[in-house]
Amino acid sequence: MFNKLYNLFGYLNCTKQVIAMYEDLKKIVCDANKELHAHGLAPFTRGNVSQVDRNAGVFAIKPSGIP
């Protein structure tokens, strides 16, 4: 997993700690998007949640059109 993410962020100074923060952020965003759908706030593929961690220099976004 580390190598795959390192290739994705190859131009950044990635450490295992930053990658762990990114994995945590992805889970938070995924759970939040599931909550939107569960509460009927984003029917079908409308709406999404994203989050940024400026200290770590990472962000997570749910792509549009993905339920």
N, C-alpha and C. Protein backbone atom coordinates (compact mmCIF):
# COMPACT_ATOMS: atom_id res chain seq x y z
N MET A 1 0.83 -1.19 0.00
CA MET A 1 0.00 0.00 0.00
C MET A 1 0.87 1.26 0.00
N PHE A 2 1.92 1.24 0.80
CA PHE A 2 2.80 2.41 0.89
C PHE A 2 3.37 2.77 -0.48
N ASN A 3 3.85 1.75 -1.21
CA ASN A 3 4.44 2.03 -2.52
C ASN A 3 3.43 2.60 -3.49
N LYS A 4 2.21 2.08 -3.45
CA LYS A 4 1.16 2.57 -4.34
C LYS A 4 0.87 4.05 -4.05
N LEU A 5 0.73 4.40 -2.77
CA LEU A 5 0.46 5.79 -2.42
C LEU A 5 1.68 6.66 -2.67
N TYR A 6 2.88 6.12 -2.46
CA TYR A 6 4.08 6.90 -2.73
C TYR A 6 4.14 7.28 -4.20
N ASN A 7 3.77 6.32 -5.07
CA ASN A 7 3.75 6.63 -6.50
C ASN A 7 2.71 7.69 -6.81
N LEU A 8 1.56 7.64 -6.12
CA LEU A 8 0.51 8.63 -6.31
C LEU A 8 0.99 10.02 -5.89
N PHE A 9 1.71 10.08 -4.77
CA PHE A 9 2.18 11.34 -4.23
C PHE A 9 3.69 11.48 -4.40
N GLY A 10 4.25 10.88 -5.42
CA GLY A 10 5.69 10.81 -5.59
C GLY A 10 6.42 12.13 -5.50
N TYR A 11 5.81 13.21 -5.94
CA TYR A 11 6.50 14.50 -5.92
C TYR A 11 6.46 15.14 -4.55
N LEU A 12 5.70 14.58 -3.63
CA LEU A 12 5.64 15.10 -2.26
C LEU A 12 6.61 14.35 -1.37
N ASN A 13 6.89 14.90 -0.23
CA ASN A 13 7.71 14.22 0.75
C ASN A 13 6.79 13.37 1.61
N CYS A 14 6.41 12.20 1.10
CA CYS A 14 5.47 11.34 1.81
C CYS A 14 6.18 10.50 2.85
N THR A 15 5.57 10.44 3.99
CA THR A 15 6.04 9.55 5.03
C THR A 15 4.91 8.61 5.37
N LYS A 16 5.24 7.55 6.09
CA LYS A 16 4.19 6.62 6.49
C LYS A 16 3.16 7.31 7.37
N GLN A 17 3.59 8.30 8.14
CA GLN A 17 2.66 9.03 9.01
C GLN A 17 1.66 9.83 8.17
N VAL A 18 2.11 10.49 7.12
CA VAL A 18 1.21 11.25 6.25
C VAL A 18 0.24 10.30 5.56
N ILE A 19 0.73 9.17 5.10
CA ILE A 19 -0.13 8.20 4.44
C ILE A 19 -1.17 7.67 5.41
N ALA A 20 -0.79 7.44 6.66
CA ALA A 20 -1.75 6.99 7.67
C ALA A 20 -2.81 8.06 7.90
N MET A 21 -2.41 9.34 7.93
CA MET A 21 -3.37 10.43 8.09
C MET A 21 -4.34 10.46 6.90
N TYR A 22 -3.79 10.22 5.71
CA TYR A 22 -4.63 10.21 4.51
C TYR A 22 -5.64 9.07 4.58
N GLU A 23 -5.21 7.89 5.02
CA GLU A 23 -6.11 6.75 5.14
C GLU A 23 -7.23 7.07 6.14
N ASP A 24 -6.88 7.71 7.25
CA ASP A 24 -7.89 8.12 8.24
C ASP A 24 -8.88 9.11 7.63
N LEU A 25 -8.35 10.07 6.88
CA LEU A 25 -9.19 11.09 6.25
C LEU A 25 -10.13 10.45 5.23
N LYS A 26 -9.64 9.49 4.46
CA LYS A 26 -10.50 8.79 3.50
C LYS A 26 -11.65 8.10 4.19
N LYS A 27 -11.40 7.46 5.33
CA LYS A 27 -12.47 6.78 6.06
C LYS A 27 -13.50 7.77 6.57
N ILE A 28 -13.05 8.91 7.09
CA ILE A 28 -13.98 9.94 7.57
C ILE A 28 -14.87 10.43 6.44
N VAL A 29 -14.27 10.69 5.29
CA VAL A 29 -15.03 11.19 4.12
C VAL A 29 -15.99 10.11 3.62
N CYS A 30 -15.54 8.88 3.57
CA CYS A 30 -16.41 7.78 3.13
C CYS A 30 -17.62 7.64 4.05
N ASP A 31 -17.36 7.64 5.35
CA ASP A 31 -18.46 7.52 6.32
C ASP A 31 -19.43 8.69 6.22
N ALA A 32 -18.90 9.88 6.03
CA ALA A 32 -19.76 11.08 5.92
C ALA A 32 -20.64 10.99 4.67
N ASN A 33 -20.07 10.50 3.57
CA ASN A 33 -20.87 10.35 2.35
C ASN A 33 -21.95 9.30 2.52
N LYS A 34 -21.67 8.24 3.25
CA LYS A 34 -22.69 7.22 3.53
C LYS A 34 -23.81 7.82 4.38
N GLU A 35 -23.46 8.67 5.32
CA GLU A 35 -24.47 9.34 6.16
C GLU A 35 -25.36 10.26 5.32
N LEU A 36 -24.77 10.99 4.38
CA LEU A 36 -25.58 11.83 3.48
C LEU A 36 -26.65 11.00 2.81
N HIS A 37 -26.23 9.88 2.25
CA HIS A 37 -27.17 9.01 1.54
C HIS A 37 -28.21 8.42 2.51
N ALA A 38 -27.77 7.98 3.67
CA ALA A 38 -28.67 7.36 4.65
C ALA A 38 -29.77 8.31 5.12
N HIS A 39 -29.45 9.59 5.16
CA HIS A 39 -30.42 10.59 5.61
C HIS A 39 -31.17 11.26 4.46
N GLY A 40 -30.97 10.76 3.26
CA GLY A 40 -31.67 11.28 2.10
C GLY A 40 -31.23 12.68 1.68
N LEU A 41 -30.04 13.08 2.09
CA LEU A 41 -29.56 14.43 1.77
C LEU A 41 -28.88 14.51 0.42
N ALA A 42 -28.48 13.37 -0.11
CA ALA A 42 -27.81 13.36 -1.41
C ALA A 42 -28.33 12.17 -2.21
N PRO A 43 -29.55 12.31 -2.78
CA PRO A 43 -30.12 11.18 -3.53
C PRO A 43 -29.31 10.86 -4.78
N PHE A 44 -29.31 9.59 -5.12
CA PHE A 44 -28.59 9.09 -6.30
C PHE A 44 -27.11 9.44 -6.18
N THR A 45 -26.57 10.17 -7.13
CA THR A 45 -25.14 10.50 -7.08
C THR A 45 -24.91 11.99 -6.84
N ARG A 46 -25.93 12.66 -6.33
CA ARG A 46 -25.80 14.10 -6.08
C ARG A 46 -25.09 14.35 -4.76
N GLY A 47 -24.31 15.38 -4.73
CA GLY A 47 -23.67 15.82 -3.49
C GLY A 47 -22.50 14.94 -3.09
N ASN A 48 -21.59 15.53 -2.38
CA ASN A 48 -20.48 14.76 -1.84
C ASN A 48 -19.83 15.53 -0.70
N VAL A 49 -19.00 14.84 0.04
CA VAL A 49 -18.28 15.41 1.15
C VAL A 49 -16.79 15.31 0.83
N SER A 50 -16.05 16.34 1.15
CA SER A 50 -14.60 16.29 1.05
C SER A 50 -14.03 16.90 2.32
N GLN A 51 -12.77 16.61 2.56
CA GLN A 51 -12.13 17.14 3.75
C GLN A 51 -10.65 17.32 3.46
N VAL A 52 -10.05 18.33 4.09
CA VAL A 52 -8.63 18.61 3.92
C VAL A 52 -7.94 18.62 5.29
N ASP A 53 -6.73 18.14 5.31
CA ASP A 53 -5.86 18.26 6.48
C ASP A 53 -4.66 19.08 6.02
N ARG A 54 -4.73 20.37 6.26
CA ARG A 54 -3.69 21.28 5.77
C ARG A 54 -2.34 21.03 6.44
N ASN A 55 -2.36 20.59 7.68
CA ASN A 55 -1.10 20.31 8.37
C ASN A 55 -0.35 19.15 7.71
N ALA A 56 -1.11 18.13 7.30
CA ALA A 56 -0.50 16.97 6.65
C ALA A 56 -0.33 17.19 5.15
N GLY A 57 -1.07 18.16 4.62
CA GLY A 57 -1.01 18.44 3.19
C GLY A 57 -1.74 17.41 2.35
N VAL A 58 -2.85 16.86 2.90
CA VAL A 58 -3.63 15.85 2.17
C VAL A 58 -5.10 16.24 2.16
N PHE A 59 -5.82 15.73 1.17
CA PHE A 59 -7.26 15.92 1.11
C PHE A 59 -7.90 14.68 0.53
N ALA A 60 -9.17 14.49 0.82
CA ALA A 60 -9.94 13.36 0.30
C ALA A 60 -11.25 13.89 -0.24
N ILE A 61 -11.59 13.45 -1.44
CA ILE A 61 -12.80 13.90 -2.12
C ILE A 61 -13.48 12.67 -2.72
N LYS A 62 -14.82 12.58 -2.57
CA LYS A 62 -15.56 11.54 -3.27
C LYS A 62 -15.83 12.04 -4.67
N PRO A 63 -15.43 11.30 -5.67
CA PRO A 63 -15.67 11.73 -7.04
C PRO A 63 -17.16 11.87 -7.34
N SER A 64 -17.51 12.82 -8.16
CA SER A 64 -18.90 13.00 -8.58
C SER A 64 -19.35 11.80 -9.40
N GLY A 65 -20.61 11.48 -9.27
CA GLY A 65 -21.18 10.39 -10.05
C GLY A 65 -20.99 9.02 -9.45
N ILE A 66 -20.37 8.93 -8.28
CA ILE A 66 -20.17 7.66 -7.60
C ILE A 66 -21.16 7.59 -6.44
N PRO A 67 -22.03 6.58 -6.42
CA PRO A 67 -23.01 6.51 -5.33
C PRO A 67 -22.36 6.20 -3.99
